[in-house]
Protein backbone atom coordinates (compact mmCIF):
# COMPACT_ATOMS: atom_id res chain seq x y z
CA UNK A 1 0.00 0.00 0.00
CA UNK A 2 2.98 2.27 0.47
CA UNK A 3 3.79 2.77 -3.20
CA UNK A 4 0.60 4.39 -4.49
CA UNK A 5 1.17 5.91 -7.90
CA UNK A 6 4.92 6.35 -7.48
CA UNK A 7 7.55 5.50 -10.05
CA UNK A 8 8.76 2.68 -7.79
CA UNK A 9 5.42 0.91 -8.24
CA UNK A 10 6.17 0.30 -11.91
CA UNK A 11 9.55 -1.39 -11.38
CA UNK A 12 9.03 -3.06 -7.99
CA UNK A 13 10.02 -6.72 -8.09
CA UNK A 14 8.10 -9.63 -6.63
CA UNK A 15 10.68 -11.01 -4.18
CA UNK A 16 8.64 -10.20 -1.08
CA UNK A 17 5.43 -11.68 -2.40
CA UNK A 18 7.18 -14.84 -3.60
CA UNK A 19 8.88 -15.21 -0.22
CA UNK A 20 5.55 -14.88 1.59
CA UNK A 21 3.94 -17.36 -0.82
CA UNK A 22 6.73 -19.87 -0.27
CA UNK A 23 5.91 -20.13 3.43
CA UNK A 24 2.15 -20.09 2.92
CA UNK A 25 1.32 -16.59 4.15
CA UNK A 26 -2.01 -15.31 2.77
CA UNK A 27 -1.40 -12.23 0.64
CA UNK A 28 -3.48 -9.17 -0.10
CA UNK A 29 -1.64 -6.88 -2.47
CA UNK A 30 -2.01 -3.70 -4.44
CA UNK A 31 -2.02 -3.94 -8.22
CA UNK A 32 1.75 -3.53 -8.61
CA UNK A 33 2.54 -5.10 -12.01
CA UNK A 34 4.91 -7.82 -10.77
CA UNK A 35 2.59 -8.67 -7.87
CA UNK A 36 -0.40 -8.91 -10.21
CA UNK A 37 1.50 -11.37 -12.39
CA UNK A 38 2.43 -13.56 -9.40
CA UNK A 39 -1.09 -13.50 -7.97
CA UNK A 40 -2.70 -14.29 -11.32
CA UNK A 41 -0.23 -17.12 -11.94
CA UNK A 42 -1.59 -18.92 -8.90
CA UNK A 43 -5.21 -17.95 -9.45
CA UNK A 44 -5.38 -15.58 -6.49
CA UNK A 45 -6.30 -12.39 -8.32
CA UNK A 46 -9.33 -11.95 -6.05
CA UNK A 47 -6.80 -10.74 -3.45
CA UNK A 48 -5.44 -7.91 -5.60
CA UNK A 49 -6.75 -4.51 -4.54
CA UNK A 50 -6.73 -1.15 -6.23
CA UNK A 51 -7.03 1.02 -3.12
CA UNK A 52 -6.75 0.71 0.67
CA UNK A 53 -10.53 0.82 1.15
CA UNK A 54 -10.72 -2.75 -0.24
CA UNK A 55 -8.45 -4.28 2.41
CA UNK A 56 -11.16 -5.07 4.97
CA UNK A 57 -13.25 -6.96 2.40
CA UNK A 58 -10.23 -9.09 1.47
CA UNK A 59 -9.34 -9.73 5.12
CA UNK A 60 -12.91 -10.91 5.65
CA UNK A 61 -12.48 -13.35 2.76
CA UNK A 62 -9.45 -14.76 4.55
CA UNK A 63 -11.45 -15.38 7.72
CA UNK A 64 -12.71 -18.53 6.02
CA UNK A 65 -10.32 -21.33 6.99
CA UNK A 66 -10.99 -23.38 3.83
CA UNK A 67 -10.32 -20.35 1.63
CA UNK A 68 -6.99 -19.75 3.41
CA UNK A 69 -6.04 -23.40 2.96
CA UNK A 70 -6.95 -23.29 -0.73
CA UNK A 71 -4.96 -20.08 -1.18
CA UNK A 72 -1.94 -21.59 0.58
CA UNK A 73 -2.13 -24.65 -1.69
CA UNK A 74 -2.28 -22.46 -4.79
CA UNK A 75 0.73 -20.47 -3.55
CA UNK A 76 2.70 -23.61 -2.83
CA UNK A 77 1.93 -25.00 -6.30
CA UNK A 78 3.25 -21.92 -8.06
CA UNK A 79 6.31 -21.77 -5.80
CA UNK A 80 7.18 -25.35 -6.72
CA UNK A 81 7.05 -24.38 -10.39
CA UNK A 82 9.14 -21.25 -9.79
CA UNK A 83 11.76 -23.19 -7.83
CA UNK A 84 12.04 -25.85 -10.55
CA UNK A 85 12.37 -23.18 -13.23
CA UNK A 86 15.03 -21.33 -11.24
CA UNK A 87 16.95 -24.55 -10.55
CA UNK A 88 16.86 -25.50 -14.23
CA UNK A 89 18.10 -22.01 -15.17
CA UNK A 90 20.97 -22.24 -12.66
CA UNK A 91 21.95 -25.71 -13.94
CA UNK A 92 21.78 -24.52 -17.55
CA UNK A 93 23.90 -21.45 -16.79
CA UNK A 94 26.52 -23.53 -14.98
CA UNK A 95 26.91 -25.82 -18.01
CA UNK A 96 27.48 -23.03 -20.49
């Protein structure tokens, strides 16, 4: 929420969101481009907000235990794919 319409918003990476996903933390995020991509990749775009007034509605969605579990599973699935892709890239780079 801290970036608003700043220049940083456009180039901000997704390291924090991927880290949170990798340990199963439910995420509610602003529509920062790299965050949107990560959230959409795991089918969690219902937790992308456009302004701070939407936060409470999203927190209420997360009060449902089954929804949190489903979200965690979706996060873990995409993290497994990202880790495999990164590992394959590292292996490829080390062979060249």
